[in-house]
């Protein structure tokens, strides 16, 4: 395996808790040396996966031990994803490829997926398909083995995120052409969201499939119904939003920004908590833990911080 590095040492940075802005960091993982672009947790909760501008992907156990690090991409690792059955994971990079891996670190397949770079990668909820998007402005649907099925053409700028609906019958695409688009999985475009005044960096369906969340370089996130009608605006970030997602129960929204913070919101647009301190950074990545206990946020020091979510 090209430049495969086996690491056995413990890399948990903090065992004690620290306090910031009335939020608690439970623990932090240290391993990356540059900005972290993607963080994912396995569906069974036992593993974490991260990728970053240091061209590395790292697989961690739930306690912060590095299981192994992968230096198989020639440029930055922009996104990472676990298969729903916890058997495989994917790393996607600026070297125009995504790589399918077994959980033991065995490389299964390298797929040339984009003419420029791969920015987003995700499995369908049933694990049958893979959806990618990137710098050639085209989203692509693949089998779980990495065989191309079809392309979704219509955007004029990078596809920053591509996501499946819960029933896997639709996809939503976020593009730096200031729009998001919703498609039937068979390739028919349903509608376009043309609201944001700058590139759309994030787009995903709610867990119940009844709404869509978008995040934008215009510093705002927005909630939409399936007719493309605006429901809620999330205002508060001081710089571009990099990522936005729903909690697994659909009750909360997490946004991450180049202002150095992540923000937790109610779906009605009211702000609950801000994680981190305002500080202009190249990129902030954030996701919810599977159990809904933590907001997992990259820091300006390239650590992965686990912020305890407030309890109602």
Protein backbone atom coordinates (compact mmCIF):
# COMPACT_ATOMS: atom_id res chain seq x y z
CA UNK A 1 0.00 0.00 0.00
CA UNK A 2 1.39 3.37 -1.09
CA UNK A 3 2.83 5.31 1.85
CA UNK A 4 0.70 3.41 4.35
CA UNK A 5 1.74 4.30 7.86
CA UNK A 6 0.85 2.11 10.82
CA UNK A 7 0.71 4.05 14.08
CA UNK A 8 0.18 2.39 17.41
CA UNK A 9 0.72 5.18 19.94
CA UNK A 10 -1.95 6.94 21.89
CA UNK A 11 -2.63 10.43 20.59
CA UNK A 12 -5.28 11.70 22.94
CA UNK A 13 -4.30 15.31 23.64
CA UNK A 14 -6.49 16.22 26.58
CA UNK A 15 -7.82 13.96 29.33
CA UNK A 16 -9.05 16.83 31.48
CA UNK A 17 -11.85 19.16 30.53
CA UNK A 18 -11.43 22.82 29.78
CA UNK A 19 -14.03 25.51 29.67
CA UNK A 20 -14.67 28.05 26.91
CA UNK A 21 -17.73 30.19 26.33
CA UNK A 22 -19.65 28.12 28.91
CA UNK A 23 -19.10 24.98 26.78
CA UNK A 24 -17.03 21.99 27.79
CA UNK A 25 -14.41 20.24 25.69
CA UNK A 26 -14.53 16.63 26.83
CA UNK A 27 -11.52 15.48 24.80
CA UNK A 28 -9.42 16.35 21.78
CA UNK A 29 -7.69 14.21 19.17
CA UNK A 30 -4.29 15.34 17.91
CA UNK A 31 -2.71 14.02 14.71
CA UNK A 32 -3.19 16.39 11.78
CA UNK A 33 -0.68 19.12 10.98
CA UNK A 34 -2.89 21.21 8.67
CA UNK A 35 -6.56 22.19 8.45
CA UNK A 36 -9.07 19.35 8.81
CA UNK A 37 -11.61 19.21 5.96
CA UNK A 38 -13.73 16.21 6.88
CA UNK A 39 -14.74 14.34 10.04
CA UNK A 40 -16.99 11.26 10.22
CA UNK A 41 -18.03 8.74 12.85
CA UNK A 42 -18.82 5.14 11.97
CA UNK A 43 -22.51 4.19 12.30
CA UNK A 44 -21.70 1.84 15.19
CA UNK A 45 -19.89 4.68 16.98
CA UNK A 46 -16.63 2.78 17.42
CA UNK A 47 -14.44 4.70 14.97
CA UNK A 48 -13.73 8.20 13.73
CA UNK A 49 -12.23 9.21 10.41
CA UNK A 50 -10.70 12.53 9.44
CA UNK A 51 -8.99 14.03 6.41
CA UNK A 52 -7.14 17.26 5.86
CA UNK A 53 -4.87 19.61 4.01
CA UNK A 54 -1.82 17.63 5.18
CA UNK A 55 -2.81 15.00 2.55
CA UNK A 56 -3.57 12.56 5.38
CA UNK A 57 -6.57 10.55 6.48
CA UNK A 58 -6.59 9.16 10.01
CA UNK A 59 -8.71 6.36 11.47
CA UNK A 60 -9.20 6.72 15.24
CA UNK A 61 -10.82 4.57 17.86
CA UNK A 62 -13.44 6.14 20.11
CA UNK A 63 -10.85 6.92 22.80
CA UNK A 64 -8.57 8.91 20.52
CA UNK A 65 -6.03 6.22 19.69
CA UNK A 66 -4.79 6.41 16.11
CA UNK A 67 -5.44 3.01 14.56
CA UNK A 68 -3.62 3.99 11.38
CA UNK A 69 -2.95 6.98 9.18
CA UNK A 70 -3.11 6.92 5.39
CA UNK A 71 -0.95 8.98 3.09
CA UNK A 72 -2.25 7.57 -0.17
CA UNK A 73 -3.54 10.79 -1.72
CA UNK A 74 -1.11 13.05 -3.54
CA UNK A 75 -2.93 16.17 -2.37
CA UNK A 76 -5.40 17.17 0.35
CA UNK A 77 -8.04 14.77 1.66
CA UNK A 78 -11.25 16.77 1.31
CA UNK A 79 -13.91 14.39 2.60
CA UNK A 80 -14.32 11.03 4.32
CA UNK A 81 -17.22 8.61 4.80
CA UNK A 82 -18.05 5.26 6.42
CA UNK A 83 -20.25 2.62 4.80
CA UNK A 84 -23.54 2.01 6.67
CA UNK A 85 -22.49 -1.58 7.49
CA UNK A 86 -19.24 -0.42 9.15
CA UNK A 87 -17.19 -2.61 6.81
CA UNK A 88 -15.55 0.03 4.57
CA UNK A 89 -14.66 3.69 4.42
CA UNK A 90 -13.81 6.19 1.69
CA UNK A 91 -11.27 8.99 1.43
CA UNK A 92 -11.68 11.64 -1.28
CA UNK A 93 -8.93 13.98 -2.41
CA UNK A 94 -7.69 16.85 -4.50
CA UNK A 95 -5.76 14.32 -6.59
CA UNK A 96 -9.02 13.70 -8.54
CA UNK A 97 -9.68 10.36 -6.83
CA UNK A 98 -11.59 8.67 -4.07
CA UNK A 99 -10.30 5.48 -2.50
CA UNK A 100 -12.42 2.69 -1.02
CA UNK A 101 -10.81 0.98 1.98
CA UNK A 102 -11.56 -2.01 4.17
CA UNK A 103 -11.64 -1.27 7.89
CA UNK A 104 -8.30 -3.05 8.36
CA UNK A 105 -6.64 -0.51 6.05
CA UNK A 106 -6.58 -2.67 2.95
CA UNK A 107 -7.07 -0.61 -0.19
CA UNK A 108 -10.00 -1.99 -2.20
CA UNK A 109 -10.13 0.41 -5.14
CA UNK A 110 -8.91 3.80 -6.33
CA UNK A 111 -11.47 5.60 -8.51
CA UNK A 112 -10.61 8.50 -10.83
CA UNK A 113 -13.75 10.46 -10.05
CA UNK A 114 -13.16 14.05 -11.16
CA UNK A 115 -11.14 16.02 -13.68
CA UNK A 116 -10.08 18.61 -11.07
CA UNK A 117 -10.59 17.39 -7.49
CA UNK A 118 -13.11 15.44 -5.42
CA UNK A 119 -14.70 17.68 -2.79
CA UNK A 120 -17.54 15.54 -1.44
CA UNK A 121 -18.17 11.82 -0.98
CA UNK A 122 -21.00 9.91 0.69
CA UNK A 123 -22.63 6.46 0.77
CA UNK A 124 -26.35 6.07 0.23
CA UNK A 125 -28.22 5.15 3.40
CA UNK A 126 -28.63 1.54 2.24
CA UNK A 127 -24.96 1.29 1.28
CA UNK A 128 -25.67 0.40 -2.36
CA UNK A 129 -24.33 3.60 -3.91
CA UNK A 130 -21.64 6.23 -3.60
CA UNK A 131 -22.19 9.86 -4.57
CA UNK A 132 -19.29 12.19 -5.39
CA UNK A 133 -18.85 15.77 -6.56
CA UNK A 134 -16.03 18.18 -7.13
CA UNK A 135 -14.18 20.65 -9.27
CA UNK A 136 -15.46 19.55 -12.69
CA UNK A 137 -18.96 20.75 -11.59
CA UNK A 138 -20.50 17.30 -12.09
CA UNK A 139 -21.95 15.01 -9.43
CA UNK A 140 -21.54 11.30 -10.10
CA UNK A 141 -23.42 8.24 -8.86
CA UNK A 142 -21.37 5.05 -8.41
CA UNK A 143 -22.01 1.52 -7.29
CA UNK A 144 -20.56 0.68 -3.88
CA UNK A 145 -17.75 -1.02 -5.83
CA UNK A 146 -16.85 2.22 -7.60
CA UNK A 147 -18.46 1.65 -11.01
CA UNK A 148 -19.99 4.76 -12.59
CA UNK A 149 -23.78 4.69 -13.02
CA UNK A 150 -24.69 8.23 -14.09
CA UNK A 151 -23.73 11.89 -13.98
CA UNK A 152 -25.70 14.92 -12.82
CA UNK A 153 -24.83 17.93 -14.97
CA UNK A 154 -26.20 21.43 -14.54
CA UNK A 155 -23.98 23.39 -12.18
CA UNK A 156 -21.38 25.83 -13.43
CA UNK A 157 -19.03 25.68 -10.44
CA UNK A 158 -17.59 23.18 -7.94
CA UNK A 159 -19.97 20.73 -6.24
CA UNK A 160 -19.14 21.33 -2.57
CA UNK A 161 -21.53 18.79 -1.10
CA UNK A 162 -23.71 16.00 -2.46
CA UNK A 163 -26.23 14.24 -0.22
CA UNK A 164 -28.88 11.53 -0.42
CA UNK A 165 -32.44 11.81 0.83
CA UNK A 166 -33.30 9.32 3.63
CA UNK A 167 -35.15 7.07 1.16
CA UNK A 168 -32.26 7.29 -1.36
CA UNK A 169 -34.66 8.40 -4.11
CA UNK A 170 -33.35 11.96 -4.37
CA UNK A 171 -30.09 13.85 -4.04
CA UNK A 172 -29.25 17.47 -3.28
CA UNK A 173 -26.16 19.25 -4.60
CA UNK A 174 -24.48 22.39 -3.24
CA UNK A 175 -22.42 24.46 -5.67
CA UNK A 176 -20.23 27.54 -5.65
CA UNK A 177 -22.45 28.93 -8.45
CA UNK A 178 -24.64 30.24 -5.57
CA UNK A 179 -27.31 27.54 -5.99
CA UNK A 180 -28.35 24.14 -4.69
CA UNK A 181 -30.26 21.67 -6.82
CA UNK A 182 -32.50 18.70 -6.04
CA UNK A 183 -32.58 15.71 -8.37
CA UNK A 184 -34.37 12.43 -8.76
CA UNK A 185 -31.84 9.62 -8.36
CA UNK A 186 -32.54 8.65 -11.97
CA UNK A 187 -31.15 11.96 -13.21
CA UNK A 188 -34.14 14.32 -13.49
CA UNK A 189 -33.68 17.75 -11.92
CA UNK A 190 -36.60 18.64 -9.63
CA UNK A 191 -35.88 22.23 -8.62
CA UNK A 192 -33.11 24.72 -7.92
CA UNK A 193 -32.65 26.80 -4.79
CA UNK A 194 -31.40 30.20 -5.95
CA UNK A 195 -31.32 32.31 -2.82
CA UNK A 196 -27.80 32.66 -1.48
CA UNK A 197 -25.67 35.59 -2.60
CA UNK A 198 -22.46 33.56 -2.66
CA UNK A 199 -21.40 29.95 -3.15
CA UNK A 200 -23.42 27.20 -1.47
CA UNK A 201 -21.00 25.08 0.54
CA UNK A 202 -23.42 22.63 2.17
CA UNK A 203 -26.75 20.99 1.36
CA UNK A 204 -28.46 18.00 2.98
CA UNK A 205 -31.87 16.52 3.70
CA UNK A 206 -33.33 16.40 7.20
CA UNK A 207 -33.49 12.91 8.77
CA UNK A 208 -37.25 12.75 8.12
CA UNK A 209 -36.75 13.84 4.50
CA UNK A 210 -39.17 16.75 4.81
CA UNK A 211 -36.75 19.66 4.59
CA UNK A 212 -33.37 20.69 3.18
CA UNK A 213 -30.57 22.62 4.86
CA UNK A 214 -28.14 24.82 2.94
CA UNK A 215 -25.06 26.71 4.10
CA UNK A 216 -23.25 29.40 2.16
CA UNK A 217 -20.19 31.56 1.78
CA UNK A 218 -22.61 34.46 2.34
CA UNK A 219 -22.30 33.57 6.09
CA UNK A 220 -25.87 32.29 6.35
CA UNK A 221 -27.58 28.91 6.48
CA UNK A 222 -31.18 28.33 5.43
CA UNK A 223 -33.92 25.74 5.84
CA UNK A 224 -36.27 24.85 2.96
CA UNK A 225 -39.31 22.67 2.38
CA UNK A 226 -39.41 20.22 -0.51
CA UNK A 227 -41.12 22.79 -2.72
CA UNK A 228 -38.08 25.02 -2.46
CA UNK A 229 -39.82 27.50 -0.15
CA UNK A 230 -37.73 29.24 2.51
CA UNK A 231 -38.60 28.30 6.09
CA UNK A 232 -35.81 29.64 8.32
CA UNK A 233 -32.59 31.66 8.12
CA UNK A 234 -29.65 31.04 10.46
CA UNK A 235 -27.65 34.27 10.87
CA UNK A 236 -24.73 34.80 13.21
CA UNK A 237 -21.45 33.73 11.65
CA UNK A 238 -18.88 36.39 10.83
CA UNK A 239 -17.34 34.59 7.86
CA UNK A 240 -18.07 31.93 5.25
CA UNK A 241 -19.93 28.80 6.36
CA UNK A 242 -17.98 25.67 5.42
CA UNK A 243 -20.35 22.99 6.67
CA UNK A 244 -23.93 22.64 7.93
CA UNK A 245 -25.84 19.55 9.03
CA UNK A 246 -28.80 18.22 10.98
CA UNK A 247 -28.49 16.25 14.20
CA UNK A 248 -29.48 12.60 13.88
CA UNK A 249 -32.86 13.32 15.49
CA UNK A 250 -33.44 16.34 13.26
CA UNK A 251 -34.02 18.71 16.20
CA UNK A 252 -30.80 20.71 15.90
CA UNK A 253 -28.51 22.17 13.27
CA UNK A 254 -24.73 22.57 13.44
CA UNK A 255 -22.85 25.06 11.27
CA UNK A 256 -19.08 25.55 10.93
CA UNK A 257 -17.42 28.70 9.63
CA UNK A 258 -14.16 30.28 8.65
CA UNK A 259 -14.72 32.64 11.57
CA UNK A 260 -13.24 29.82 13.67
CA UNK A 261 -16.48 28.77 15.37
CA UNK A 262 -19.21 26.20 15.09
CA UNK A 263 -22.75 27.09 16.13
CA UNK A 264 -25.58 24.95 17.47
CA UNK A 265 -29.08 26.06 16.49
CA UNK A 266 -32.68 25.10 17.05
CA UNK A 267 -34.44 24.42 13.76
CA UNK A 268 -36.44 27.61 14.31
CA UNK A 269 -33.24 29.64 13.81
CA UNK A 270 -32.52 30.48 17.44
CA UNK A 271 -28.89 30.11 18.50
CA UNK A 272 -28.18 27.71 21.37
CA UNK A 273 -24.39 27.68 21.70
CA UNK A 274 -21.21 28.81 19.99
CA UNK A 275 -18.24 26.43 20.10
CA UNK A 276 -14.73 27.88 19.93
CA UNK A 277 -13.57 31.47 19.73
CA UNK A 278 -13.90 33.82 16.78
CA UNK A 279 -10.69 33.58 14.80
CA UNK A 280 -10.33 33.67 11.04
CA UNK A 281 -9.09 30.25 9.90
CA UNK A 282 -8.78 28.54 6.54
CA UNK A 283 -11.50 26.00 7.31
CA UNK A 284 -13.65 24.72 10.17
CA UNK A 285 -15.15 21.24 10.03
CA UNK A 286 -17.94 20.06 12.33
CA UNK A 287 -20.31 17.13 12.78
CA UNK A 288 -22.59 15.65 15.43
CA UNK A 289 -21.62 12.45 17.22
CA UNK A 290 -23.87 9.48 16.47
CA UNK A 291 -25.28 9.49 20.01
CA UNK A 292 -26.02 13.21 19.93
CA UNK A 293 -23.83 13.91 22.95
CA UNK A 294 -21.06 15.89 21.22
CA UNK A 295 -20.44 18.51 18.59
CA UNK A 296 -17.17 17.39 17.00
CA UNK A 297 -15.30 20.45 15.73
CA UNK A 298 -11.86 21.04 14.22
CA UNK A 299 -9.80 23.75 15.87
CA UNK A 300 -7.35 26.39 14.71
CA UNK A 301 -4.62 24.11 16.15
CA UNK A 302 -5.73 21.24 13.86
CA UNK A 303 -7.13 19.16 16.71
CA UNK A 304 -10.55 17.51 16.73
CA UNK A 305 -12.43 18.81 19.77
CA UNK A 306 -15.41 17.03 21.34
CA UNK A 307 -17.73 19.66 22.79
CA UNK A 308 -20.40 18.41 25.16
CA UNK A 309 -23.80 19.53 23.92
CA UNK A 310 -26.05 21.31 26.40
CA UNK A 311 -28.79 19.21 27.93
CA UNK A 312 -32.35 20.43 27.92
